[in-house]
Structure formats: C-alpha cells, structure tokens
Amino acid sequence: MGKLDRLVLDEKSGAITHIQMLEGHLWGKKDVAIPVADIEFTDGETVYLKLDKNAVKALPAVKVKRK
C-alpha cells in the first residue's frame, strides 16, 4: 500500500501513537497517519494493518515537512 515514513510519538510518554506513510501512486500521493491500534502485527520489515486499501485511501492527509 505504501512505505512507512516515520513514527509519531506522544510528547509526554514517548509512546508511539501513529505511523506515517506515503500512500498512493505517482500522480496522487499523500501522507497519512495510521493509529497504532490499526496495526495487526509486524513481521520483519513489513507492517500488516487491520485496514484495507480503501480505508487507508479514506484517511485524511497530514502535513509533513520533507527535506
């Protein structure tokens, strides 16, 4: 679906709250934040979500500063 871009941490506890990924294709990419509650499990370098492709597409875009 996309490439994991970064982890979002809670400022107070330091716990991971969301994962951010770049979703979409060449002509329609957007950054989305997926709550950790929507992660089914991880296997090596792969993150499996409880969400399907349409649910990820429906997530709102988040602003990310890229260098």
PDB file of N, CA and C in Angstrom:
ATOM      1  N   MET A   1       0.816  -1.199   0.000  1.00  0.00           N
ATOM      2  CA  MET A   1       0.000   0.000   0.000  1.00  0.00           C
ATOM      3  C   MET A   1       0.850   1.250   0.000  1.00  0.00           C
ATOM      4  N   GLY A   2       1.923   1.215   0.750  1.00  0.00           N
ATOM      5  CA  GLY A   2       2.754   2.391   0.860  1.00  0.00           C
ATOM      6  C   GLY A   2       4.015   2.075   1.628  1.00  0.00           C
ATOM      7  N   LYS A   3       4.802   3.075   1.812  1.00  0.00           N
ATOM      8  CA  LYS A   3       6.073   2.923   2.505  1.00  0.00           C
ATOM      9  C   LYS A   3       6.000   3.650   3.841  1.00  0.00           C
ATOM     10  N   LEU A   4       6.352   2.941   4.913  1.00  0.00           N
ATOM     11  CA  LEU A   4       6.403   3.547   6.240  1.00  0.00           C
ATOM     12  C   LEU A   4       7.443   4.648   6.221  1.00  0.00           C
ATOM     13  N   ASP A   5       7.024   5.841   6.614  1.00  0.00           N
ATOM     14  CA  ASP A   5       7.889   7.002   6.519  1.00  0.00           C
ATOM     15  C   ASP A   5       8.484   7.383   7.868  1.00  0.00           C
ATOM     16  N   ARG A   6       7.648   7.392   8.900  1.00  0.00           N
ATOM     17  CA  ARG A   6       8.124   7.779  10.231  1.00  0.00           C
ATOM     18  C   ARG A   6       7.134   7.348  11.297  1.00  0.00           C
ATOM     19  N   LEU A   7       7.605   7.414  12.536  1.00  0.00           N
ATOM     20  CA  LEU A   7       6.765   7.112  13.695  1.00  0.00           C
ATOM     21  C   LEU A   7       6.374   8.415  14.359  1.00  0.00           C
ATOM     22  N   VAL A   8       5.164   8.494  14.872  1.00  0.00           N
ATOM     23  CA  VAL A   8       4.689   9.669  15.599  1.00  0.00           C
ATOM     24  C   VAL A   8       4.648   9.296  17.075  1.00  0.00           C
ATOM     25  N   LEU A   9       5.319  10.094  17.905  1.00  0.00           N
ATOM     26  CA  LEU A   9       5.415   9.815  19.331  1.00  0.00           C
ATOM     27  C   LEU A   9       4.592  10.787  20.144  1.00  0.00           C
ATOM     28  N   ASP A  10       4.053  10.299  21.268  1.00  0.00           N
ATOM     29  CA  ASP A  10       3.403  11.164  22.241  1.00  0.00           C
ATOM     30  C   ASP A  10       4.502  11.960  22.937  1.00  0.00           C
ATOM     31  N   GLU A  11       4.347  13.268  22.997  1.00  0.00           N
ATOM     32  CA  GLU A  11       5.393  14.130  23.560  1.00  0.00           C
ATOM     33  C   GLU A  11       5.681  13.837  25.026  1.00  0.00           C
ATOM     34  N   LYS A  12       4.657  13.503  25.786  1.00  0.00           N
ATOM     35  CA  LYS A  12       4.844  13.279  27.232  1.00  0.00           C
ATOM     36  C   LYS A  12       5.399  11.889  27.538  1.00  0.00           C
ATOM     37  N   SER A  13       4.786  10.856  26.980  1.00  0.00           N
ATOM     38  CA  SER A  13       5.175   9.491  27.339  1.00  0.00           C
ATOM     39  C   SER A  13       6.259   8.906  26.435  1.00  0.00           C
ATOM     40  N   GLY A  14       6.384   9.441  25.222  1.00  0.00           N
ATOM     41  CA  GLY A  14       7.336   8.888  24.263  1.00  0.00           C
ATOM     42  C   GLY A  14       6.816   7.647  23.556  1.00  0.00           C
ATOM     43  N   ALA A  15       5.560   7.266  23.839  1.00  0.00           N
ATOM     44  CA  ALA A  15       4.959   6.091  23.205  1.00  0.00           C
ATOM     45  C   ALA A  15       4.594   6.397  21.750  1.00  0.00           C
ATOM     46  N   ILE A  16       4.695   5.387  20.915  1.00  0.00           N
ATOM     47  CA  ILE A  16       4.303   5.531  19.512  1.00  0.00           C
ATOM     48  C   ILE A  16       2.780   5.604  19.438  1.00  0.00           C
ATOM     49  N   THR A  17       2.253   6.649  18.796  1.00  0.00           N
ATOM     50  CA  THR A  17       0.802   6.797  18.667  1.00  0.00           C
ATOM     51  C   THR A  17       0.314   6.493  17.250  1.00  0.00           C
ATOM     52  N   HIS A  18       1.124   6.822  16.253  1.00  0.00           N
ATOM     53  CA  HIS A  18       0.748   6.633  14.851  1.00  0.00           C
ATOM     54  C   HIS A  18       1.990   6.250  14.043  1.00  0.00           C
ATOM     55  N   ILE A  19       1.743   5.645  12.889  1.00  0.00           N
ATOM     56  CA  ILE A  19       2.793   5.508  11.894  1.00  0.00           C
ATOM     57  C   ILE A  19       2.378   6.378  10.713  1.00  0.00           C
ATOM     58  N   GLN A  20       3.328   7.018  10.107  1.00  0.00           N
ATOM     59  CA  GLN A  20       3.023   7.823   8.922  1.00  0.00           C
ATOM     60  C   GLN A  20       3.549   7.097   7.706  1.00  0.00           C
ATOM     61  N   MET A  21       2.769   7.136   6.653  1.00  0.00           N
ATOM     62  CA  MET A  21       3.221   6.541   5.407  1.00  0.00           C
ATOM     63  C   MET A  21       2.766   7.375   4.233  1.00  0.00           C
ATOM     64  N   LEU A  22       3.483   7.228   3.154  1.00  0.00           N
ATOM     65  CA  LEU A  22       3.140   7.880   1.908  1.00  0.00           C
ATOM     66  C   LEU A  22       2.268   6.911   1.137  1.00  0.00           C
ATOM     67  N   GLU A  23       1.013   7.277   0.916  1.00  0.00           N
ATOM     68  CA  GLU A  23       0.017   6.411   0.292  1.00  0.00           C
ATOM     69  C   GLU A  23      -0.287   6.938  -1.090  1.00  0.00           C
ATOM     70  N   GLY A  24      -0.543   6.036  -2.020  1.00  0.00           N
ATOM     71  CA  GLY A  24      -0.998   6.444  -3.338  1.00  0.00           C
ATOM     72  C   GLY A  24      -0.065   6.009  -4.443  1.00  0.00           C
ATOM     73  N   HIS A  25      -0.240   6.640  -5.574  1.00  0.00           N
ATOM     74  CA  HIS A  25       0.557   6.317  -6.750  1.00  0.00           C
ATOM     75  C   HIS A  25       1.245   7.581  -7.251  1.00  0.00           C
ATOM     76  N   LEU A  26       1.967   7.472  -8.320  1.00  0.00           N
ATOM     77  CA  LEU A  26       2.785   8.571  -8.841  1.00  0.00           C
ATOM     78  C   LEU A  26       2.028   9.892  -8.978  1.00  0.00           C
ATOM     79  N   TRP A  27       0.756   9.850  -9.383  1.00  0.00           N
ATOM     80  CA  TRP A  27       0.006  11.085  -9.634  1.00  0.00           C
ATOM     81  C   TRP A  27      -0.908  11.485  -8.485  1.00  0.00           C
ATOM     82  N   GLY A  28      -0.932  10.744  -7.414  1.00  0.00           N
ATOM     83  CA  GLY A  28      -1.839  11.073  -6.325  1.00  0.00           C
ATOM     84  C   GLY A  28      -1.349  10.608  -4.972  1.00  0.00           C
ATOM     85  N   LYS A  29      -0.169  11.027  -4.579  1.00  0.00           N
ATOM     86  CA  LYS A  29       0.377  10.598  -3.293  1.00  0.00           C
ATOM     87  C   LYS A  29      -0.034  11.562  -2.189  1.00  0.00           C
ATOM     88  N   LYS A  30      -0.204  11.010  -0.983  1.00  0.00           N
ATOM     89  CA  LYS A  30      -0.470  11.837   0.185  1.00  0.00           C
ATOM     90  C   LYS A  30       0.098  11.129   1.410  1.00  0.00           C
ATOM     91  N   ASP A  31       0.468  11.905   2.413  1.00  0.00           N
ATOM     92  CA  ASP A  31       0.923  11.351   3.675  1.00  0.00           C
ATOM     93  C   ASP A  31      -0.285  11.115   4.562  1.00  0.00           C
ATOM     94  N   VAL A  32      -0.343   9.931   5.179  1.00  0.00           N
ATOM     95  CA  VAL A  32      -1.425   9.611   6.101  1.00  0.00           C
ATOM     96  C   VAL A  32      -0.832   9.130   7.420  1.00  0.00           C
ATOM     97  N   ALA A  33      -1.568   9.351   8.505  1.00  0.00           N
ATOM     98  CA  ALA A  33      -1.165   8.884   9.833  1.00  0.00           C
ATOM     99  C   ALA A  33      -2.121   7.765  10.237  1.00  0.00           C
ATOM    100  N   ILE A  34      -1.562   6.602  10.531  1.00  0.00           N
ATOM    101  CA  ILE A  34      -2.354   5.442  10.892  1.00  0.00           C
ATOM    102  C   ILE A  34      -2.158   5.168  12.381  1.00  0.00           C
ATOM    103  N   PRO A  35      -3.238   5.158  13.165  1.00  0.00           N
ATOM    104  CA  PRO A  35      -3.116   4.872  14.603  1.00  0.00           C
ATOM    105  C   PRO A  35      -2.521   3.483  14.840  1.00  0.00           C
ATOM    106  N   VAL A  36      -1.701   3.359  15.869  1.00  0.00           N
ATOM    107  CA  VAL A  36      -1.093   2.055  16.161  1.00  0.00           C
ATOM    108  C   VAL A  36      -2.155   1.002  16.472  1.00  0.00           C
ATOM    109  N   ALA A  37      -3.325   1.405  16.913  1.00  0.00           N
ATOM    110  CA  ALA A  37      -4.407   0.454  17.173  1.00  0.00           C
ATOM    111  C   ALA A  37      -4.844  -0.264  15.891  1.00  0.00           C
ATOM    112  N   ASP A  38      -4.541   0.306  14.731  1.00  0.00           N
ATOM    113  CA  ASP A  38      -4.912  -0.296  13.453  1.00  0.00           C
ATOM    114  C   ASP A  38      -3.815  -1.186  12.872  1.00  0.00           C
ATOM    115  N   ILE A  39      -2.761  -1.442  13.654  1.00  0.00           N
ATOM    116  CA  ILE A  39      -1.712  -2.364  13.224  1.00  0.00           C
ATOM    117  C   ILE A  39      -2.080  -3.761  13.716  1.00  0.00           C
ATOM    118  N   GLU A  40      -2.148  -4.701  12.798  1.00  0.00           N
ATOM    119  CA  GLU A  40      -2.451  -6.102  13.151  1.00  0.00           C
ATOM    120  C   GLU A  40      -1.213  -6.749  13.768  1.00  0.00           C
ATOM    121  N   PHE A  41      -0.084  -6.720  13.042  1.00  0.00           N
ATOM    122  CA  PHE A  41       1.187  -7.230  13.548  1.00  0.00           C
ATOM    123  C   PHE A  41       2.302  -6.807  12.606  1.00  0.00           C
ATOM    124  N   THR A  42       3.535  -7.024  13.019  1.00  0.00           N
ATOM    125  CA  THR A  42       4.692  -6.735  12.173  1.00  0.00           C
ATOM    126  C   THR A  42       5.489  -8.015  11.997  1.00  0.00           C
ATOM    127  N   ASP A  43       6.140  -8.123  10.848  1.00  0.00           N
ATOM    128  CA  ASP A  43       6.932  -9.307  10.527  1.00  0.00           C
ATOM    129  C   ASP A  43       8.200  -8.835   9.826  1.00  0.00           C
ATOM    130  N   GLY A  44       9.269  -8.681  10.568  1.00  0.00           N
ATOM    131  CA  GLY A  44      10.494  -8.170   9.954  1.00  0.00           C
ATOM    132  C   GLY A  44      10.315  -6.729   9.560  1.00  0.00           C
ATOM    133  N   GLU A  45      10.364  -6.453   8.273  1.00  0.00           N
ATOM    134  CA  GLU A  45      10.239  -5.081   7.772  1.00  0.00           C
ATOM    135  C   GLU A  45       8.844  -4.765   7.267  1.00  0.00           C
ATOM    136  N   THR A  46       7.889  -5.665   7.451  1.00  0.00           N
ATOM    137  CA  THR A  46       6.537  -5.471   6.938  1.00  0.00           C
ATOM    138  C   THR A  46       5.571  -5.208   8.091  1.00  0.00           C
ATOM    139  N   VAL A  47       4.715  -4.188   7.905  1.00  0.00           N
ATOM    140  CA  VAL A  47       3.673  -3.863   8.887  1.00  0.00           C
ATOM    141  C   VAL A  47       2.334  -4.265   8.272  1.00  0.00           C
ATOM    142  N   TYR A  48       1.589  -5.111   8.958  1.00  0.00           N
ATOM    143  CA  TYR A  48       0.278  -5.557   8.494  1.00  0.00           C
ATOM    144  C   TYR A  48      -0.793  -4.772   9.239  1.00  0.00           C
ATOM    145  N   LEU A  49      -1.709  -4.200   8.481  1.00  0.00           N
ATOM    146  CA  LEU A  49      -2.752  -3.357   9.056  1.00  0.00           C
ATOM    147  C   LEU A  49      -4.082  -4.094   9.158  1.00  0.00           C
ATOM    148  N   LYS A  50      -4.912  -3.639  10.076  1.00  0.00           N
ATOM    149  CA  LYS A  50      -6.292  -4.112  10.184  1.00  0.00           C
ATOM    150  C   LYS A  50      -7.157  -3.435   9.130  1.00  0.00           C
ATOM    151  N   LEU A  51      -6.636  -2.395   8.503  1.00  0.00           N
ATOM    152  CA  LEU A  51      -7.367  -1.608   7.500  1.00  0.00           C
ATOM    153  C   LEU A  51      -7.138  -2.176   6.109  1.00  0.00           C
ATOM    154  N   ASP A  52      -8.156  -2.086   5.265  1.00  0.00           N
ATOM    155  CA  ASP A  52      -7.951  -2.473   3.880  1.00  0.00           C
ATOM    156  C   ASP A  52      -7.512  -1.251   3.069  1.00  0.00           C
ATOM    157  N   LYS A  53      -7.224  -1.475   1.811  1.00  0.00           N
ATOM    158  CA  LYS A  53      -6.708  -0.415   0.943  1.00  0.00           C
ATOM    159  C   LYS A  53      -7.661   0.786   0.870  1.00  0.00           C
ATOM    160  N   ASN A  54      -8.964   0.532   0.793  1.00  0.00           N
ATOM    161  CA  ASN A  54      -9.937   1.628   0.707  1.00  0.00           C
ATOM    162  C   ASN A  54      -9.982   2.449   1.988  1.00  0.00           C
ATOM    163  N   ALA A  55      -9.830   1.787   3.139  1.00  0.00           N
ATOM    164  CA  ALA A  55      -9.830   2.509   4.417  1.00  0.00           C
ATOM    165  C   ALA A  55      -8.599   3.405   4.527  1.00  0.00           C
ATOM    166  N   VAL A  56      -7.462   2.926   4.051  1.00  0.00           N
ATOM    167  CA  VAL A  56      -6.245   3.752   4.073  1.00  0.00           C
ATOM    168  C   VAL A  56      -6.403   4.940   3.126  1.00  0.00           C
ATOM    169  N   LYS A  57      -6.973   4.705   1.951  1.00  0.00           N
ATOM    170  CA  LYS A  57      -7.209   5.797   0.997  1.00  0.00           C
ATOM    171  C   LYS A  57      -8.123   6.865   1.583  1.00  0.00           C
ATOM    172  N   ALA A  58      -9.068   6.460   2.433  1.00  0.00           N
ATOM    173  CA  ALA A  58     -10.038   7.390   3.011  1.00  0.00           C
ATOM    174  C   ALA A  58      -9.463   8.219   4.157  1.00  0.00           C
ATOM    175  N   LEU A  59      -8.288   7.859   4.668  1.00  0.00           N
ATOM    176  CA  LEU A  59      -7.690   8.632   5.757  1.00  0.00           C
ATOM    177  C   LEU A  59      -7.341  10.032   5.274  1.00  0.00           C
ATOM    178  N   PRO A  60      -7.473  11.026   6.141  1.00  0.00           N
ATOM    179  CA  PRO A  60      -7.135  12.393   5.733  1.00  0.00           C
ATOM    180  C   PRO A  60      -5.619  12.543   5.579  1.00  0.00           C
ATOM    181  N   ALA A  61      -5.236  13.420   4.698  1.00  0.00           N
ATOM    182  CA  ALA A  61      -3.818  13.730   4.508  1.00  0.00           C
ATOM    183  C   ALA A  61      -3.297  14.516   5.711  1.00  0.00           C
ATOM    184  N   VAL A  62      -2.041  14.299   6.045  1.00  0.00           N
ATOM    185  CA  VAL A  62      -1.390  15.060   7.100  1.00  0.00           C
ATOM    186  C   VAL A  62      -0.219  15.824   6.491  1.00  0.00           C
ATOM    187  N   LYS A  63       0.068  16.976   7.070  1.00  0.00           N
ATOM    188  CA  LYS A  63       1.178  17.785   6.568  1.00  0.00           C
ATOM    189  C   LYS A  63       2.486  17.243   7.129  1.00  0.00           C
ATOM    190  N   VAL A  64       3.454  17.036   6.249  1.00  0.00           N
ATOM    191  CA  VAL A  64       4.765  16.549   6.639  1.00  0.00           C
ATOM    192  C   VAL A  64       5.800  17.430   5.967  1.00  0.00           C
ATOM    193  N   LYS A  65       6.744  17.925   6.744  1.00  0.00           N
ATOM    194  CA  LYS A  65       7.842  18.703   6.179  1.00  0.00           C
ATOM    195  C   LYS A  65       8.914  17.737   5.706  1.00  0.00           C
ATOM    196  N   ARG A  66       9.218  17.775   4.439  1.00  0.00           N
ATOM    197  CA  ARG A  66      10.257  16.923   3.866  1.00  0.00           C
ATOM    198  C   ARG A  66      11.468  17.765   3.497  1.00  0.00           C
ATOM    199  N   LYS A  67      12.633  17.213   3.729  1.00  0.00           N
ATOM    200  CA  LYS A  67      13.873  17.927   3.388  1.00  0.00           C
ATOM    201  C   LYS A  67      14.362  17.501   2.037  1.00  0.00           C
TER     202      LYS A  67
END
